[in-house]
N, C-alpha and C. Protein backbone atom coordinates (compact mmCIF):
# COMPACT_ATOMS: atom_id res chain seq x y z
N MET A 1 0.85 -1.18 0.00
CA MET A 1 0.00 0.00 0.00
C MET A 1 0.89 1.24 0.00
N LYS A 2 0.53 2.21 -0.81
CA LYS A 2 1.30 3.45 -0.88
C LYS A 2 1.12 4.25 0.41
N PRO A 3 2.15 5.02 0.78
CA PRO A 3 1.99 5.88 1.96
C PRO A 3 0.99 6.99 1.70
N VAL A 4 0.20 7.29 2.70
CA VAL A 4 -0.81 8.34 2.60
C VAL A 4 -0.46 9.45 3.58
N GLU A 5 -0.46 10.69 3.09
CA GLU A 5 -0.21 11.85 3.92
C GLU A 5 -1.40 12.78 3.80
N ILE A 6 -1.79 13.36 4.93
CA ILE A 6 -2.92 14.28 4.93
C ILE A 6 -2.55 15.50 5.77
N TYR A 7 -2.60 16.66 5.14
CA TYR A 7 -2.37 17.92 5.83
C TYR A 7 -3.70 18.35 6.43
N THR A 8 -3.71 18.65 7.73
CA THR A 8 -4.96 18.90 8.43
C THR A 8 -4.85 20.09 9.38
N SER A 9 -6.00 20.39 9.97
CA SER A 9 -6.11 21.32 11.09
C SER A 9 -7.12 20.68 12.05
N PRO A 10 -6.90 20.79 13.36
CA PRO A 10 -7.79 20.12 14.30
C PRO A 10 -9.22 20.66 14.31
N LEU A 11 -9.42 21.86 13.80
CA LEU A 11 -10.75 22.47 13.81
C LEU A 11 -11.54 22.22 12.54
N CYS A 12 -11.00 21.44 11.64
CA CYS A 12 -11.56 21.25 10.30
C CYS A 12 -12.44 20.00 10.23
N GLY A 13 -13.73 20.19 10.03
CA GLY A 13 -14.66 19.06 9.90
C GLY A 13 -14.37 18.21 8.68
N PHE A 14 -13.94 18.83 7.58
CA PHE A 14 -13.61 18.07 6.38
C PHE A 14 -12.39 17.18 6.62
N CYS A 15 -11.45 17.67 7.43
CA CYS A 15 -10.28 16.87 7.78
C CYS A 15 -10.71 15.62 8.55
N HIS A 16 -11.60 15.81 9.50
CA HIS A 16 -12.09 14.67 10.29
C HIS A 16 -12.82 13.67 9.41
N ALA A 17 -13.62 14.17 8.45
CA ALA A 17 -14.35 13.28 7.54
C ALA A 17 -13.40 12.49 6.66
N ALA A 18 -12.36 13.14 6.15
CA ALA A 18 -11.39 12.45 5.29
C ALA A 18 -10.64 11.39 6.09
N LYS A 19 -10.23 11.72 7.30
CA LYS A 19 -9.52 10.75 8.14
C LYS A 19 -10.43 9.59 8.50
N ARG A 20 -11.71 9.87 8.72
CA ARG A 20 -12.67 8.81 9.05
C ARG A 20 -12.80 7.82 7.88
N LEU A 21 -12.90 8.33 6.65
CA LEU A 21 -13.01 7.45 5.49
C LEU A 21 -11.76 6.57 5.35
N LEU A 22 -10.60 7.18 5.49
CA LEU A 22 -9.37 6.41 5.38
C LEU A 22 -9.29 5.35 6.49
N SER A 23 -9.67 5.73 7.69
CA SER A 23 -9.65 4.78 8.81
C SER A 23 -10.62 3.63 8.59
N GLN A 24 -11.81 3.94 8.06
CA GLN A 24 -12.80 2.89 7.79
C GLN A 24 -12.28 1.89 6.76
N LYS A 25 -11.42 2.37 5.87
CA LYS A 25 -10.84 1.49 4.86
C LYS A 25 -9.60 0.76 5.39
N GLY A 26 -9.22 1.04 6.63
CA GLY A 26 -8.06 0.39 7.21
C GLY A 26 -6.74 0.96 6.72
N VAL A 27 -6.78 2.19 6.23
CA VAL A 27 -5.60 2.84 5.68
C VAL A 27 -4.88 3.61 6.79
N SER A 28 -3.61 3.33 6.98
CA SER A 28 -2.83 4.13 7.91
C SER A 28 -2.32 5.35 7.15
N PHE A 29 -2.21 6.45 7.84
CA PHE A 29 -1.79 7.69 7.18
C PHE A 29 -0.98 8.53 8.14
N SER A 30 -0.14 9.39 7.56
CA SER A 30 0.62 10.37 8.32
C SER A 30 -0.17 11.67 8.29
N GLU A 31 -0.37 12.24 9.45
CA GLU A 31 -1.12 13.49 9.56
C GLU A 31 -0.16 14.63 9.86
N ILE A 32 -0.27 15.69 9.10
CA ILE A 32 0.57 16.87 9.28
C ILE A 32 -0.36 18.01 9.67
N ASP A 33 -0.28 18.43 10.92
CA ASP A 33 -1.14 19.48 11.45
C ASP A 33 -0.52 20.84 11.14
N VAL A 34 -1.09 21.56 10.17
CA VAL A 34 -0.52 22.84 9.75
C VAL A 34 -0.81 23.95 10.74
N LEU A 35 -1.73 23.73 11.66
CA LEU A 35 -1.98 24.71 12.71
C LEU A 35 -0.89 24.62 13.78
N ALA A 36 -0.51 23.41 14.13
CA ALA A 36 0.53 23.21 15.13
C ALA A 36 1.93 23.47 14.57
N ASP A 37 2.09 23.26 13.26
CA ASP A 37 3.39 23.44 12.60
C ASP A 37 3.20 24.30 11.36
N PRO A 38 3.06 25.62 11.54
CA PRO A 38 2.75 26.53 10.42
C PRO A 38 3.77 26.49 9.29
N ASP A 39 5.01 26.13 9.56
CA ASP A 39 6.01 26.07 8.50
C ASP A 39 5.66 25.01 7.47
N ARG A 40 4.92 24.01 7.87
CA ARG A 40 4.54 22.93 6.94
C ARG A 40 3.44 23.36 5.98
N LYS A 41 2.74 24.49 6.28
CA LYS A 41 1.68 24.96 5.38
C LYS A 41 2.27 25.37 4.03
N ALA A 42 3.42 26.05 4.03
CA ALA A 42 4.07 26.43 2.77
C ALA A 42 4.42 25.18 1.96
N GLU A 43 4.88 24.15 2.64
CA GLU A 43 5.19 22.88 1.98
C GLU A 43 3.93 22.29 1.35
N MET A 44 2.82 22.33 2.10
CA MET A 44 1.54 21.81 1.61
C MET A 44 1.10 22.56 0.36
N ILE A 45 1.17 23.88 0.39
CA ILE A 45 0.73 24.70 -0.74
C ILE A 45 1.55 24.38 -1.98
N LYS A 46 2.84 24.22 -1.81
CA LYS A 46 3.71 23.88 -2.94
C LYS A 46 3.37 22.50 -3.49
N ARG A 47 3.24 21.52 -2.61
CA ARG A 47 2.93 20.15 -3.06
C ARG A 47 1.55 20.06 -3.71
N ALA A 48 0.61 20.89 -3.22
CA ALA A 48 -0.77 20.84 -3.71
C ALA A 48 -1.00 21.81 -4.86
N ASN A 49 0.07 22.26 -5.49
CA ASN A 49 -0.03 23.18 -6.63
C ASN A 49 -0.89 24.39 -6.33
N GLY A 50 -0.67 24.98 -5.15
CA GLY A 50 -1.38 26.20 -4.76
C GLY A 50 -2.58 25.97 -3.87
N GLY A 51 -2.92 24.72 -3.60
CA GLY A 51 -4.05 24.43 -2.72
C GLY A 51 -3.76 24.93 -1.31
N ARG A 52 -4.61 25.82 -0.80
CA ARG A 52 -4.34 26.47 0.47
C ARG A 52 -5.24 25.97 1.60
N THR A 53 -6.27 25.20 1.26
CA THR A 53 -7.21 24.75 2.29
C THR A 53 -6.88 23.34 2.73
N VAL A 54 -7.27 23.01 3.94
CA VAL A 54 -7.10 21.65 4.44
C VAL A 54 -8.44 20.94 4.39
N PRO A 55 -8.43 19.65 4.21
CA PRO A 55 -7.26 18.80 4.07
C PRO A 55 -6.70 18.83 2.65
N GLN A 56 -5.44 18.50 2.54
CA GLN A 56 -4.80 18.18 1.26
C GLN A 56 -4.26 16.78 1.44
N ILE A 57 -4.67 15.89 0.54
CA ILE A 57 -4.40 14.46 0.70
C ILE A 57 -3.50 13.98 -0.43
N PHE A 58 -2.48 13.19 -0.05
CA PHE A 58 -1.55 12.62 -1.01
C PHE A 58 -1.46 11.12 -0.79
N VAL A 59 -1.53 10.39 -1.90
CA VAL A 59 -1.32 8.95 -1.88
C VAL A 59 -0.05 8.71 -2.68
N GLY A 60 1.02 8.36 -2.00
CA GLY A 60 2.31 8.31 -2.66
C GLY A 60 2.64 9.71 -3.16
N ASP A 61 2.99 9.81 -4.43
CA ASP A 61 3.29 11.12 -5.02
C ASP A 61 2.07 11.77 -5.66
N ILE A 62 0.93 11.12 -5.58
CA ILE A 62 -0.28 11.61 -6.25
C ILE A 62 -1.08 12.50 -5.32
N HIS A 63 -1.38 13.70 -5.80
CA HIS A 63 -2.20 14.64 -5.04
C HIS A 63 -3.67 14.31 -5.33
N VAL A 64 -4.35 13.81 -4.33
CA VAL A 64 -5.77 13.46 -4.46
C VAL A 64 -6.61 14.73 -4.43
N GLY A 65 -6.25 15.68 -3.57
CA GLY A 65 -7.02 16.90 -3.39
C GLY A 65 -7.55 16.97 -1.97
N GLY A 66 -8.77 17.47 -1.85
CA GLY A 66 -9.38 17.62 -0.54
C GLY A 66 -10.35 16.51 -0.21
N CYS A 67 -11.16 16.75 0.80
CA CYS A 67 -12.12 15.75 1.28
C CYS A 67 -13.13 15.37 0.20
N ASP A 68 -13.70 16.36 -0.47
CA ASP A 68 -14.68 16.08 -1.52
C ASP A 68 -14.07 15.24 -2.63
N ASP A 69 -12.81 15.54 -2.97
CA ASP A 69 -12.12 14.77 -4.01
C ASP A 69 -11.91 13.32 -3.57
N LEU A 70 -11.54 13.15 -2.30
CA LEU A 70 -11.33 11.80 -1.76
C LEU A 70 -12.61 10.98 -1.83
N TYR A 71 -13.73 11.58 -1.39
CA TYR A 71 -15.01 10.87 -1.42
C TYR A 71 -15.47 10.60 -2.85
N ALA A 72 -15.22 11.54 -3.76
CA ALA A 72 -15.59 11.34 -5.17
C ALA A 72 -14.80 10.19 -5.77
N MET A 73 -13.51 10.11 -5.45
CA MET A 73 -12.70 8.98 -5.93
C MET A 73 -13.23 7.66 -5.40
N ASP A 74 -13.64 7.68 -4.13
CA ASP A 74 -14.17 6.46 -3.53
C ASP A 74 -15.47 6.04 -4.21
N ARG A 75 -16.37 6.99 -4.42
CA ARG A 75 -17.65 6.68 -5.08
C ARG A 75 -17.44 6.17 -6.50
N ALA A 76 -16.41 6.68 -7.17
CA ALA A 76 -16.13 6.27 -8.55
C ALA A 76 -15.36 4.94 -8.62
N GLY A 77 -15.03 4.38 -7.46
CA GLY A 77 -14.30 3.13 -7.44
C GLY A 77 -12.81 3.27 -7.77
N LYS A 78 -12.28 4.48 -7.66
CA LYS A 78 -10.89 4.71 -8.02
C LYS A 78 -9.95 4.79 -6.82
N LEU A 79 -10.50 4.93 -5.63
CA LEU A 79 -9.65 5.11 -4.45
C LEU A 79 -8.95 3.81 -4.06
N ASP A 80 -9.69 2.72 -3.98
CA ASP A 80 -9.09 1.45 -3.55
C ASP A 80 -7.94 1.02 -4.48
N PRO A 81 -8.12 1.09 -5.82
CA PRO A 81 -6.99 0.72 -6.69
C PRO A 81 -5.78 1.65 -6.51
N LEU A 82 -6.03 2.93 -6.27
CA LEU A 82 -4.93 3.87 -6.05
C LEU A 82 -4.17 3.51 -4.77
N LEU A 83 -4.92 3.20 -3.72
CA LEU A 83 -4.28 2.84 -2.45
C LEU A 83 -3.49 1.55 -2.57
N ALA A 84 -4.00 0.61 -3.35
CA ALA A 84 -3.38 -0.71 -3.47
C ALA A 84 -2.19 -0.73 -4.43
N ALA A 85 -2.14 0.21 -5.34
CA ALA A 85 -1.09 0.20 -6.38
C ALA A 85 0.30 0.33 -5.79
């Protein structure tokens, strides 16, 4: 399984929803709290091609996007193959 990284903030409901979906799928992930570590926000923006909102989700080197993008991939049946690749 590819490593999953998610940039989050503790006050973000979308972050909690994205983490819940990943957890339900049994996916372990690294969480980067940009509120606790503001220097990592610049890193997130660069990796996400300008994406400034949390969550920003990465599976390996692939930028999935935010929570809505994650759920859309799951509904389309594309998330599981991406995670397994």
